[in-house]
Amino acid sequence: MADDVDLASQYKEAFRQHQIAHYREEELPFTGRCYYFEAPTKDSFCCKECGKYWEKRKYFDSQRRIK
C-alpha cells in the first residue's frame, strides 16, 4: 500500500508530465530582422542554422546562473 509521500510524488510527477506535454512556447514577433544576426530577412531567421543557434543560445542563457 502506498503511503502519503508516494502518492504526493506520483501526483507531482503526473502534473510535471502534463505541463511538459502542454507547453507552448511563445512565437517570436516579426521584426523583419534575423534574431541571431540581426540581418534583414522576410522571416524570424535568415536560415535554419540561425534558428538552431538562437535556440541553443536562449537555452544556455536560461541555464546560466548570475551570482
PDB file of N, CA and C in Angstrom:
ATOM      1  N   MET A   1       0.840  -1.180   0.000  1.00  0.00           N
ATOM      2  CA  MET A   1       0.000   0.000   0.000  1.00  0.00           C
ATOM      3  C   MET A   1       0.887   1.247   0.000  1.00  0.00           C
ATOM      4  N   ALA A   2       0.523   2.216  -0.811  1.00  0.00           N
ATOM      5  CA  ALA A   2       1.312   3.437  -0.938  1.00  0.00           C
ATOM      6  C   ALA A   2       1.012   4.392   0.217  1.00  0.00           C
ATOM      7  N   ASP A   3       2.066   5.010   0.707  1.00  0.00           N
ATOM      8  CA  ASP A   3       1.849   5.999   1.763  1.00  0.00           C
ATOM      9  C   ASP A   3       1.654   7.385   1.142  1.00  0.00           C
ATOM     10  N   ASP A   4       1.440   8.383   1.979  1.00  0.00           N
ATOM     11  CA  ASP A   4       1.148   9.738   1.501  1.00  0.00           C
ATOM     12  C   ASP A   4       2.291  10.325   0.673  1.00  0.00           C
ATOM     13  N   VAL A   5       3.517  10.021   1.043  1.00  0.00           N
ATOM     14  CA  VAL A   5       4.667  10.549   0.308  1.00  0.00           C
ATOM     15  C   VAL A   5       4.707   9.968  -1.100  1.00  0.00           C
ATOM     16  N   ASP A   6       4.440   8.686  -1.229  1.00  0.00           N
ATOM     17  CA  ASP A   6       4.413   8.058  -2.553  1.00  0.00           C
ATOM     18  C   ASP A   6       3.311   8.654  -3.423  1.00  0.00           C
ATOM     19  N   LEU A   7       2.145   8.849  -2.846  1.00  0.00           N
ATOM     20  CA  LEU A   7       1.034   9.431  -3.603  1.00  0.00           C
ATOM     21  C   LEU A   7       1.347  10.861  -4.036  1.00  0.00           C
ATOM     22  N   ALA A   8       1.923  11.631  -3.130  1.00  0.00           N
ATOM     23  CA  ALA A   8       2.285  13.009  -3.468  1.00  0.00           C
ATOM     24  C   ALA A   8       3.318  13.033  -4.583  1.00  0.00           C
ATOM     25  N   SER A   9       4.266  12.124  -4.533  1.00  0.00           N
ATOM     26  CA  SER A   9       5.290  12.042  -5.567  1.00  0.00           C
ATOM     27  C   SER A   9       4.674  11.675  -6.917  1.00  0.00           C
ATOM     28  N   GLN A  10       3.730  10.751  -6.915  1.00  0.00           N
ATOM     29  CA  GLN A  10       3.062  10.357  -8.151  1.00  0.00           C
ATOM     30  C   GLN A  10       2.257  11.514  -8.736  1.00  0.00           C
ATOM     31  N   TYR A  11       1.544  12.248  -7.890  1.00  0.00           N
ATOM     32  CA  TYR A  11       0.770  13.398  -8.366  1.00  0.00           C
ATOM     33  C   TYR A  11       1.685  14.491  -8.912  1.00  0.00           C
ATOM     34  N   LYS A  12       2.794  14.708  -8.227  1.00  0.00           N
ATOM     35  CA  LYS A  12       3.743  15.727  -8.676  1.00  0.00           C
ATOM     36  C   LYS A  12       4.313  15.358 -10.045  1.00  0.00           C
ATOM     37  N   GLU A  13       4.683  14.103 -10.221  1.00  0.00           N
ATOM     38  CA  GLU A  13       5.229  13.651 -11.499  1.00  0.00           C
ATOM     39  C   GLU A  13       4.177  13.723 -12.604  1.00  0.00           C
ATOM     40  N   ALA A  14       2.945  13.357 -12.300  1.00  0.00           N
ATOM     41  CA  ALA A  14       1.872  13.430 -13.294  1.00  0.00           C
ATOM     42  C   ALA A  14       1.630  14.882 -13.709  1.00  0.00           C
ATOM     43  N   PHE A  15       1.652  15.795 -12.746  1.00  0.00           N
ATOM     44  CA  PHE A  15       1.466  17.212 -13.052  1.00  0.00           C
ATOM     45  C   PHE A  15       2.617  17.729 -13.912  1.00  0.00           C
ATOM     46  N   ARG A  16       3.835  17.329 -13.580  1.00  0.00           N
ATOM     47  CA  ARG A  16       5.006  17.758 -14.348  1.00  0.00           C
ATOM     48  C   ARG A  16       4.923  17.258 -15.786  1.00  0.00           C
ATOM     49  N   GLN A  17       4.534  16.012 -15.965  1.00  0.00           N
ATOM     50  CA  GLN A  17       4.391  15.455 -17.311  1.00  0.00           C
ATOM     51  C   GLN A  17       3.292  16.179 -18.089  1.00  0.00           C
ATOM     52  N   HIS A  18       2.215  16.533 -17.409  1.00  0.00           N
ATOM     53  CA  HIS A  18       1.133  17.281 -18.049  1.00  0.00           C
ATOM     54  C   HIS A  18       1.636  18.652 -18.513  1.00  0.00           C
ATOM     55  N   GLN A  19       2.398  19.330 -17.669  1.00  0.00           N
ATOM     56  CA  GLN A  19       2.931  20.646 -18.027  1.00  0.00           C
ATOM     57  C   GLN A  19       3.878  20.551 -19.217  1.00  0.00           C
ATOM     58  N   ILE A  20       4.712  19.533 -19.244  1.00  0.00           N
ATOM     59  CA  ILE A  20       5.639  19.351 -20.361  1.00  0.00           C
ATOM     60  C   ILE A  20       4.876  19.078 -21.653  1.00  0.00           C
ATOM     61  N   ALA A  21       3.859  18.243 -21.576  1.00  0.00           N
ATOM     62  CA  ALA A  21       3.096  17.874 -22.768  1.00  0.00           C
ATOM     63  C   ALA A  21       2.311  19.053 -23.335  1.00  0.00           C
ATOM     64  N   HIS A  22       1.907  19.976 -22.485  1.00  0.00           N
ATOM     65  CA  HIS A  22       1.070  21.085 -22.933  1.00  0.00           C
ATOM     66  C   HIS A  22       1.817  22.411 -23.009  1.00  0.00           C
ATOM     67  N   TYR A  23       3.138  22.353 -22.958  1.00  0.00           N
ATOM     68  CA  TYR A  23       3.939  23.568 -23.035  1.00  0.00           C
ATOM     69  C   TYR A  23       3.912  24.111 -24.456  1.00  0.00           C
ATOM     70  N   ARG A  24       3.619  25.379 -24.574  1.00  0.00           N
ATOM     71  CA  ARG A  24       3.643  26.039 -25.875  1.00  0.00           C
ATOM     72  C   ARG A  24       4.520  27.275 -25.744  1.00  0.00           C
ATOM     73  N   GLU A  25       5.559  27.281 -26.525  1.00  0.00           N
ATOM     74  CA  GLU A  25       6.460  28.424 -26.487  1.00  0.00           C
ATOM     75  C   GLU A  25       5.841  29.578 -27.267  1.00  0.00           C
ATOM     76  N   GLU A  26       6.038  30.767 -26.752  1.00  0.00           N
ATOM     77  CA  GLU A  26       5.510  31.939 -27.434  1.00  0.00           C
ATOM     78  C   GLU A  26       6.225  32.121 -28.768  1.00  0.00           C
ATOM     79  N   GLU A  27       5.455  32.517 -29.770  1.00  0.00           N
ATOM     80  CA  GLU A  27       6.065  32.779 -31.068  1.00  0.00           C
ATOM     81  C   GLU A  27       6.778  34.121 -31.026  1.00  0.00           C
ATOM     82  N   LEU A  28       7.853  34.195 -31.772  1.00  0.00           N
ATOM     83  CA  LEU A  28       8.608  35.437 -31.829  1.00  0.00           C
ATOM     84  C   LEU A  28       7.858  36.456 -32.683  1.00  0.00           C
ATOM     85  N   PRO A  29       7.782  37.678 -32.229  1.00  0.00           N
ATOM     86  CA  PRO A  29       7.132  38.691 -33.061  1.00  0.00           C
ATOM     87  C   PRO A  29       7.982  38.989 -34.296  1.00  0.00           C
ATOM     88  N   PHE A  30       7.323  39.277 -35.403  1.00  0.00           N
ATOM     89  CA  PHE A  30       8.033  39.571 -36.642  1.00  0.00           C
ATOM     90  C   PHE A  30       8.671  40.948 -36.549  1.00  0.00           C
ATOM     91  N   THR A  31       9.969  41.005 -36.808  1.00  0.00           N
ATOM     92  CA  THR A  31      10.691  42.277 -36.764  1.00  0.00           C
ATOM     93  C   THR A  31      11.287  42.650 -38.115  1.00  0.00           C
ATOM     94  N   GLY A  32      11.331  41.686 -39.046  1.00  0.00           N
ATOM     95  CA  GLY A  32      11.965  41.945 -40.335  1.00  0.00           C
ATOM     96  C   GLY A  32      13.470  41.756 -40.288  1.00  0.00           C
ATOM     97  N   ARG A  33      13.959  41.299 -39.144  1.00  0.00           N
ATOM     98  CA  ARG A  33      15.394  41.058 -38.975  1.00  0.00           C
ATOM     99  C   ARG A  33      15.605  39.680 -38.355  1.00  0.00           C
ATOM    100  N   CYS A  34      16.729  39.074 -38.691  1.00  0.00           N
ATOM    101  CA  CYS A  34      17.106  37.783 -38.121  1.00  0.00           C
ATOM    102  C   CYS A  34      17.370  37.972 -36.628  1.00  0.00           C
ATOM    103  N   TYR A  35      16.809  37.118 -35.799  1.00  0.00           N
ATOM    104  CA  TYR A  35      17.006  37.235 -34.358  1.00  0.00           C
ATOM    105  C   TYR A  35      18.429  36.885 -33.935  1.00  0.00           C
ATOM    106  N   TYR A  36      19.153  36.166 -34.768  1.00  0.00           N
ATOM    107  CA  TYR A  36      20.517  35.776 -34.401  1.00  0.00           C
ATOM    108  C   TYR A  36      21.551  36.766 -34.930  1.00  0.00           C
ATOM    109  N   PHE A  37      21.480  37.099 -36.219  1.00  0.00           N
ATOM    110  CA  PHE A  37      22.462  38.002 -36.825  1.00  0.00           C
ATOM    111  C   PHE A  37      21.965  39.433 -36.977  1.00  0.00           C
ATOM    112  N   GLU A  38      20.677  39.643 -36.808  1.00  0.00           N
ATOM    113  CA  GLU A  38      20.037  40.947 -36.978  1.00  0.00           C
ATOM    114  C   GLU A  38      20.152  41.470 -38.409  1.00  0.00           C
ATOM    115  N   ALA A  39      20.267  40.565 -39.357  1.00  0.00           N
ATOM    116  CA  ALA A  39      20.293  40.938 -40.768  1.00  0.00           C
ATOM    117  C   ALA A  39      18.859  41.035 -41.284  1.00  0.00           C
ATOM    118  N   PRO A  40      18.590  41.912 -42.252  1.00  0.00           N
ATOM    119  CA  PRO A  40      17.232  41.999 -42.802  1.00  0.00           C
ATOM    120  C   PRO A  40      16.796  40.661 -43.407  1.00  0.00           C
ATOM    121  N   THR A  41      15.562  40.261 -43.132  1.00  0.00           N
ATOM    122  CA  THR A  41      15.039  38.994 -43.635  1.00  0.00           C
ATOM    123  C   THR A  41      13.515  39.051 -43.705  1.00  0.00           C
ATOM    124  N   LYS A  42      12.928  38.104 -44.410  1.00  0.00           N
ATOM    125  CA  LYS A  42      11.472  38.043 -44.525  1.00  0.00           C
ATOM    126  C   LYS A  42      10.864  37.139 -43.460  1.00  0.00           C
ATOM    127  N   ASP A  43      11.708  36.531 -42.644  1.00  0.00           N
ATOM    128  CA  ASP A  43      11.256  35.601 -41.615  1.00  0.00           C
ATOM    129  C   ASP A  43      11.921  35.977 -40.294  1.00  0.00           C
ATOM    130  N   SER A  44      11.744  35.167 -39.272  1.00  0.00           N
ATOM    131  CA  SER A  44      12.387  35.448 -37.990  1.00  0.00           C
ATOM    132  C   SER A  44      13.887  35.187 -38.029  1.00  0.00           C
ATOM    133  N   PHE A  45      14.304  34.269 -38.908  1.00  0.00           N
ATOM    134  CA  PHE A  45      15.717  33.934 -39.055  1.00  0.00           C
ATOM    135  C   PHE A  45      16.061  33.892 -40.535  1.00  0.00           C
ATOM    136  N   CYS A  46      17.319  34.191 -40.850  1.00  0.00           N
ATOM    137  CA  CYS A  46      17.711  34.195 -42.259  1.00  0.00           C
ATOM    138  C   CYS A  46      17.954  32.780 -42.788  1.00  0.00           C
ATOM    139  N   CYS A  47      18.197  31.802 -41.894  1.00  0.00           N
ATOM    140  CA  CYS A  47      18.377  30.413 -42.312  1.00  0.00           C
ATOM    141  C   CYS A  47      18.065  29.484 -41.134  1.00  0.00           C
ATOM    142  N   LYS A  48      17.990  28.194 -41.403  1.00  0.00           N
ATOM    143  CA  LYS A  48      17.680  27.215 -40.350  1.00  0.00           C
ATOM    144  C   LYS A  48      18.755  27.189 -39.269  1.00  0.00           C
ATOM    145  N   GLU A  49      20.002  27.347 -39.686  1.00  0.00           N
ATOM    146  CA  GLU A  49      21.103  27.306 -38.728  1.00  0.00           C
ATOM    147  C   GLU A  49      20.985  28.432 -37.705  1.00  0.00           C
ATOM    148  N   CYS A  50      20.579  29.607 -38.165  1.00  0.00           N
ATOM    149  CA  CYS A  50      20.401  30.732 -37.239  1.00  0.00           C
ATOM    150  C   CYS A  50      19.344  30.395 -36.191  1.00  0.00           C
ATOM    151  N   GLY A  51      18.272  29.762 -36.611  1.00  0.00           N
ATOM    152  CA  GLY A  51      17.225  29.362 -35.676  1.00  0.00           C
ATOM    153  C   GLY A  51      17.746  28.386 -34.640  1.00  0.00           C
ATOM    154  N   LYS A  52      18.548  27.422 -35.084  1.00  0.00           N
ATOM    155  CA  LYS A  52      19.118  26.440 -34.157  1.00  0.00           C
ATOM    156  C   LYS A  52      20.085  27.106 -33.184  1.00  0.00           C
ATOM    157  N   TYR A  53      20.950  27.981 -33.696  1.00  0.00           N
ATOM    158  CA  TYR A  53      21.915  28.664 -32.839  1.00  0.00           C
ATOM    159  C   TYR A  53      21.209  29.562 -31.830  1.00  0.00           C
ATOM    160  N   TRP A  54      20.151  30.237 -32.272  1.00  0.00           N
ATOM    161  CA  TRP A  54      19.414  31.118 -31.380  1.00  0.00           C
ATOM    162  C   TRP A  54      18.752  30.312 -30.267  1.00  0.00           C
ATOM    163  N   GLU A  55      18.185  29.139 -30.597  1.00  0.00           N
ATOM    164  CA  GLU A  55      17.572  28.280 -29.582  1.00  0.00           C
ATOM    165  C   GLU A  55      18.616  27.804 -28.574  1.00  0.00           C
ATOM    166  N   LYS A  56      19.798  27.416 -29.068  1.00  0.00           N
ATOM    167  CA  LYS A  56      20.866  26.988 -28.162  1.00  0.00           C
ATOM    168  C   LYS A  56      21.283  28.128 -27.245  1.00  0.00           C
ATOM    169  N   ARG A  57      21.455  29.308 -27.833  1.00  0.00           N
ATOM    170  CA  ARG A  57      21.861  30.466 -27.041  1.00  0.00           C
ATOM    171  C   ARG A  57      20.808  30.805 -25.990  1.00  0.00           C
ATOM    172  N   LYS A  58      19.554  30.737 -26.371  1.00  0.00           N
ATOM    173  CA  LYS A  58      18.456  31.001 -25.442  1.00  0.00           C
ATOM    174  C   LYS A  58      18.471  29.985 -24.299  1.00  0.00           C
ATOM    175  N   TYR A  59      18.705  28.714 -24.634  1.00  0.00           N
ATOM    176  CA  TYR A  59      18.760  27.673 -23.610  1.00  0.00           C
ATOM    177  C   TYR A  59      19.926  27.911 -22.648  1.00  0.00           C
ATOM    178  N   PHE A  60      21.116  28.165 -23.198  1.00  0.00           N
ATOM    179  CA  PHE A  60      22.280  28.354 -22.337  1.00  0.00           C
ATOM    180  C   PHE A  60      22.146  29.611 -21.484  1.00  0.00           C
ATOM    181  N   ASP A  61      21.544  30.651 -22.025  1.00  0.00           N
ATOM    182  CA  ASP A  61      21.309  31.853 -21.226  1.00  0.00           C
ATOM    183  C   ASP A  61      20.361  31.564 -20.068  1.00  0.00           C
ATOM    184  N   SER A  62      19.382  30.703 -20.301  1.00  0.00           N
ATOM    185  CA  SER A  62      18.441  30.372 -19.230  1.00  0.00           C
ATOM    186  C   SER A  62      19.092  29.493 -18.166  1.00  0.00           C
ATOM    187  N   GLN A  63      20.138  28.752 -18.535  1.00  0.00           N
ATOM    188  CA  GLN A  63      20.811  27.867 -17.586  1.00  0.00           C
ATOM    189  C   GLN A  63      21.917  28.567 -16.801  1.00  0.00           C
ATOM    190  N   ARG A  64      22.364  29.692 -17.324  1.00  0.00           N
ATOM    191  CA  ARG A  64      23.459  30.410 -16.680  1.00  0.00           C
ATOM    192  C   ARG A  64      22.967  31.031 -15.379  1.00  0.00           C
ATOM    193  N   ARG A  65      23.740  30.845 -14.353  1.00  0.00           N
ATOM    194  CA  ARG A  65      23.388  31.411 -13.054  1.00  0.00           C
ATOM    195  C   ARG A  65      24.172  32.693 -12.847  1.00  0.00           C
ATOM    196  N   ILE A  66      23.460  33.729 -12.558  1.00  0.00           N
ATOM    197  CA  ILE A  66      24.105  35.014 -12.303  1.00  0.00           C
ATOM    198  C   ILE A  66      24.278  35.160 -10.797  1.00  0.00           C
ATOM    199  N   LYS A  67      25.512  35.366 -10.379  1.00  0.00           N
ATOM    200  CA  LYS A  67      25.799  35.479  -8.937  1.00  0.00           C
ATOM    201  C   LYS A  67      26.093  36.900  -8.568  1.00  0.00           C
TER     202      LYS A  67
END
